Amino acid sequence: MTDDEEKNPLLTRDEAAAFLGKKPTWLRDHHAEVPHIKIGRDVRYTRPLLEEYLEANTIRPTASKRSARSKKR
């Protein structure tokens, strides 16, 4: 974490979108899904909340049908 991030842990929509690898408009359109902080009319994000969001939406591979079939043979 840089000194700037320690002083200002809140990210703007542009910064949060860059962190997620998305466009700011995507983040605006999906604000109900992505955890955020509302300060008046401003919306801000934190890295820990974005990381939790990514973890919660990560799909882990499971045993494939192909490998399950080969075990039956």
N, C-alpha and C. Protein backbone atom coordinates (compact mmCIF):
# COMPACT_ATOMS: atom_id res chain seq x y z
N MET A 1 0.86 -1.18 0.00
CA MET A 1 0.00 0.00 0.00
C MET A 1 0.90 1.23 0.00
N THR A 2 0.59 2.19 -0.84
CA THR A 2 1.38 3.41 -0.91
C THR A 2 0.96 4.38 0.18
N ASP A 3 1.77 5.42 0.38
CA ASP A 3 1.43 6.43 1.39
C ASP A 3 0.10 7.09 1.07
N ASP A 4 -0.16 7.36 -0.23
CA ASP A 4 -1.43 7.99 -0.63
C ASP A 4 -2.62 7.10 -0.27
N GLU A 5 -2.48 5.79 -0.48
CA GLU A 5 -3.58 4.87 -0.16
C GLU A 5 -3.82 4.80 1.34
N GLU A 6 -2.75 4.89 2.13
CA GLU A 6 -2.92 4.87 3.57
C GLU A 6 -3.62 6.13 4.05
N LYS A 7 -3.31 7.26 3.43
CA LYS A 7 -3.93 8.52 3.81
C LYS A 7 -5.37 8.61 3.31
N ASN A 8 -5.63 8.02 2.14
CA ASN A 8 -6.96 8.09 1.53
C ASN A 8 -7.38 6.70 1.06
N PRO A 9 -7.89 5.87 2.00
CA PRO A 9 -8.24 4.50 1.62
C PRO A 9 -9.49 4.40 0.74
N LEU A 10 -10.19 5.51 0.55
CA LEU A 10 -11.40 5.48 -0.27
C LEU A 10 -11.04 5.68 -1.74
N LEU A 11 -11.60 4.84 -2.58
CA LEU A 11 -11.34 4.91 -4.01
C LEU A 11 -12.51 5.54 -4.74
N THR A 12 -12.21 6.29 -5.77
CA THR A 12 -13.26 6.84 -6.63
C THR A 12 -13.79 5.72 -7.54
N ARG A 13 -14.85 6.02 -8.26
CA ARG A 13 -15.40 5.03 -9.20
C ARG A 13 -14.34 4.65 -10.24
N ASP A 14 -13.62 5.62 -10.76
CA ASP A 14 -12.58 5.33 -11.77
C ASP A 14 -11.49 4.43 -11.20
N GLU A 15 -11.05 4.71 -9.97
CA GLU A 15 -10.00 3.90 -9.35
C GLU A 15 -10.50 2.49 -9.05
N ALA A 16 -11.72 2.39 -8.55
CA ALA A 16 -12.29 1.07 -8.24
C ALA A 16 -12.50 0.26 -9.52
N ALA A 17 -12.96 0.92 -10.56
CA ALA A 17 -13.17 0.23 -11.84
C ALA A 17 -11.84 -0.28 -12.38
N ALA A 18 -10.80 0.52 -12.30
CA ALA A 18 -9.48 0.09 -12.75
C ALA A 18 -9.00 -1.11 -11.94
N PHE A 19 -9.24 -1.08 -10.64
CA PHE A 19 -8.86 -2.19 -9.77
C PHE A 19 -9.56 -3.48 -10.18
N LEU A 20 -10.85 -3.37 -10.55
CA LEU A 20 -11.64 -4.54 -10.96
C LEU A 20 -11.41 -4.92 -12.42
N GLY A 21 -10.76 -4.05 -13.16
CA GLY A 21 -10.56 -4.33 -14.58
C GLY A 21 -11.81 -4.09 -15.41
N LYS A 22 -12.65 -3.19 -14.95
CA LYS A 22 -13.90 -2.86 -15.63
C LYS A 22 -13.93 -1.38 -15.97
N LYS A 23 -14.90 -0.99 -16.78
CA LYS A 23 -15.08 0.42 -17.09
C LYS A 23 -15.89 1.08 -15.98
N PRO A 24 -15.67 2.36 -15.73
CA PRO A 24 -16.46 3.06 -14.70
C PRO A 24 -17.97 2.95 -14.93
N THR A 25 -18.40 2.90 -16.18
CA THR A 25 -19.84 2.79 -16.45
C THR A 25 -20.38 1.44 -15.98
N TRP A 26 -19.57 0.38 -16.08
CA TRP A 26 -20.00 -0.93 -15.58
C TRP A 26 -20.22 -0.85 -14.08
N LEU A 27 -19.29 -0.21 -13.40
CA LEU A 27 -19.39 -0.08 -11.95
C LEU A 27 -20.62 0.74 -11.57
N ARG A 28 -20.88 1.79 -12.31
CA ARG A 28 -22.08 2.60 -12.05
C ARG A 28 -23.35 1.77 -12.24
N ASP A 29 -23.38 0.97 -13.29
CA ASP A 29 -24.56 0.16 -13.59
C ASP A 29 -24.75 -1.01 -12.62
N HIS A 30 -23.67 -1.43 -11.95
CA HIS A 30 -23.74 -2.58 -11.04
C HIS A 30 -23.50 -2.17 -9.59
N HIS A 31 -23.79 -0.93 -9.27
CA HIS A 31 -23.49 -0.43 -7.92
C HIS A 31 -24.26 -1.19 -6.83
N ALA A 32 -25.39 -1.76 -7.16
CA ALA A 32 -26.16 -2.51 -6.15
C ALA A 32 -25.47 -3.82 -5.78
N GLU A 33 -24.64 -4.35 -6.68
CA GLU A 33 -23.94 -5.61 -6.43
C GLU A 33 -22.60 -5.41 -5.73
N VAL A 34 -21.95 -4.31 -6.02
CA VAL A 34 -20.59 -4.08 -5.53
C VAL A 34 -20.65 -3.26 -4.25
N PRO A 35 -20.01 -3.74 -3.17
CA PRO A 35 -20.06 -2.98 -1.91
C PRO A 35 -19.41 -1.61 -2.06
N HIS A 36 -20.08 -0.62 -1.52
CA HIS A 36 -19.58 0.75 -1.63
C HIS A 36 -19.99 1.55 -0.41
N ILE A 37 -19.43 2.73 -0.30
CA ILE A 37 -19.73 3.64 0.80
C ILE A 37 -20.33 4.90 0.19
N LYS A 38 -21.43 5.33 0.73
CA LYS A 38 -22.10 6.53 0.25
C LYS A 38 -21.79 7.66 1.22
N ILE A 39 -21.25 8.74 0.70
CA ILE A 39 -20.97 9.94 1.48
C ILE A 39 -21.70 11.08 0.80
N GLY A 40 -22.86 11.41 1.32
CA GLY A 40 -23.70 12.38 0.63
C GLY A 40 -24.11 11.79 -0.71
N ARG A 41 -23.80 12.49 -1.78
CA ARG A 41 -24.10 11.98 -3.12
C ARG A 41 -22.92 11.24 -3.74
N ASP A 42 -21.79 11.28 -3.05
CA ASP A 42 -20.59 10.61 -3.56
C ASP A 42 -20.60 9.13 -3.21
N VAL A 43 -20.07 8.33 -4.11
CA VAL A 43 -19.91 6.90 -3.88
C VAL A 43 -18.42 6.60 -3.87
N ARG A 44 -17.97 5.88 -2.84
CA ARG A 44 -16.57 5.52 -2.72
C ARG A 44 -16.45 4.04 -2.43
N TYR A 45 -15.27 3.49 -2.67
CA TYR A 45 -15.01 2.06 -2.52
C TYR A 45 -13.72 1.90 -1.72
N THR A 46 -13.56 0.73 -1.11
CA THR A 46 -12.30 0.42 -0.44
C THR A 46 -11.74 -0.86 -1.06
N ARG A 47 -10.43 -0.98 -1.07
CA ARG A 47 -9.80 -2.18 -1.62
C ARG A 47 -10.24 -3.44 -0.88
N PRO A 48 -10.28 -3.42 0.46
CA PRO A 48 -10.71 -4.66 1.14
C PRO A 48 -12.13 -5.09 0.75
N LEU A 49 -13.05 -4.16 0.60
CA LEU A 49 -14.41 -4.52 0.19
C LEU A 49 -14.43 -5.04 -1.25
N LEU A 50 -13.63 -4.45 -2.12
CA LEU A 50 -13.57 -4.93 -3.50
C LEU A 50 -12.94 -6.31 -3.56
N GLU A 51 -11.93 -6.55 -2.74
CA GLU A 51 -11.30 -7.87 -2.69
C GLU A 51 -12.28 -8.92 -2.18
N GLU A 52 -13.09 -8.57 -1.18
CA GLU A 52 -14.12 -9.48 -0.69
C GLU A 52 -15.14 -9.79 -1.78
N TYR A 53 -15.52 -8.76 -2.53
CA TYR A 53 -16.46 -8.94 -3.63
C TYR A 53 -15.89 -9.91 -4.67
N LEU A 54 -14.62 -9.73 -5.02
CA LEU A 54 -13.99 -10.62 -5.99
C LEU A 54 -13.93 -12.05 -5.46
N GLU A 55 -13.58 -12.21 -4.20
CA GLU A 55 -13.51 -13.54 -3.60
C GLU A 55 -14.88 -14.21 -3.59
N ALA A 56 -15.90 -13.46 -3.22
CA ALA A 56 -17.25 -14.00 -3.16
C ALA A 56 -17.77 -14.40 -4.54
N ASN A 57 -17.24 -13.79 -5.59
CA ASN A 57 -17.71 -14.06 -6.95
C ASN A 57 -16.73 -14.91 -7.75
N THR A 58 -15.77 -15.49 -7.06
CA THR A 58 -14.81 -16.37 -7.72
C THR A 58 -15.42 -17.77 -7.80
N ILE A 59 -15.38 -18.34 -8.98
CA ILE A 59 -15.90 -19.68 -9.19
C ILE A 59 -14.71 -20.64 -9.19
N ARG A 60 -14.76 -21.57 -8.27
CA ARG A 60 -13.68 -22.55 -8.12
C ARG A 60 -13.99 -23.77 -8.98
N PRO A 61 -12.98 -24.33 -9.63
CA PRO A 61 -13.23 -25.52 -10.44
C PRO A 61 -13.59 -26.72 -9.55
N THR A 62 -14.47 -27.54 -10.08
CA THR A 62 -14.86 -28.76 -9.38
C THR A 62 -14.47 -29.93 -10.27
N ALA A 63 -14.60 -31.12 -9.76
CA ALA A 63 -14.29 -32.30 -10.57
C ALA A 63 -15.17 -32.29 -11.80
N SER A 64 -14.56 -32.42 -12.94
CA SER A 64 -15.34 -32.39 -14.18
C SER A 64 -16.04 -33.72 -14.40
N LYS A 65 -17.05 -33.70 -15.22
CA LYS A 65 -17.78 -34.93 -15.56
C LYS A 65 -16.84 -35.91 -16.25
N ARG A 66 -15.93 -35.39 -17.05
CA ARG A 66 -15.00 -36.24 -17.79
C ARG A 66 -14.13 -37.04 -16.81
N SER A 67 -13.58 -36.37 -15.80
CA SER A 67 -12.72 -37.09 -14.87
C SER A 67 -13.55 -38.06 -14.02
N ALA A 68 -14.78 -37.71 -13.73
CA ALA A 68 -15.64 -38.61 -12.96
C ALA A 68 -15.95 -39.87 -13.79
N ARG A 69 -16.17 -39.70 -15.09
CA ARG A 69 -16.44 -40.84 -15.96
C ARG A 69 -15.24 -41.75 -16.08
N SER A 70 -14.06 -41.17 -16.18
CA SER A 70 -12.87 -42.01 -16.34
C SER A 70 -12.60 -42.83 -15.09
N LYS A 71 -13.04 -42.37 -13.92
CA LYS A 71 -12.85 -43.14 -12.70
C LYS A 71 -13.77 -44.36 -12.67
N LYS A 72 -14.92 -44.27 -13.35
CA LYS A 72 -15.88 -45.39 -13.37
C LYS A 72 -15.37 -46.54 -14.21
N ARG A 73 -14.53 -46.27 -15.18
CA ARG A 73 -14.05 -47.31 -16.12
C ARG A 73 -13.09 -48.23 -15.50
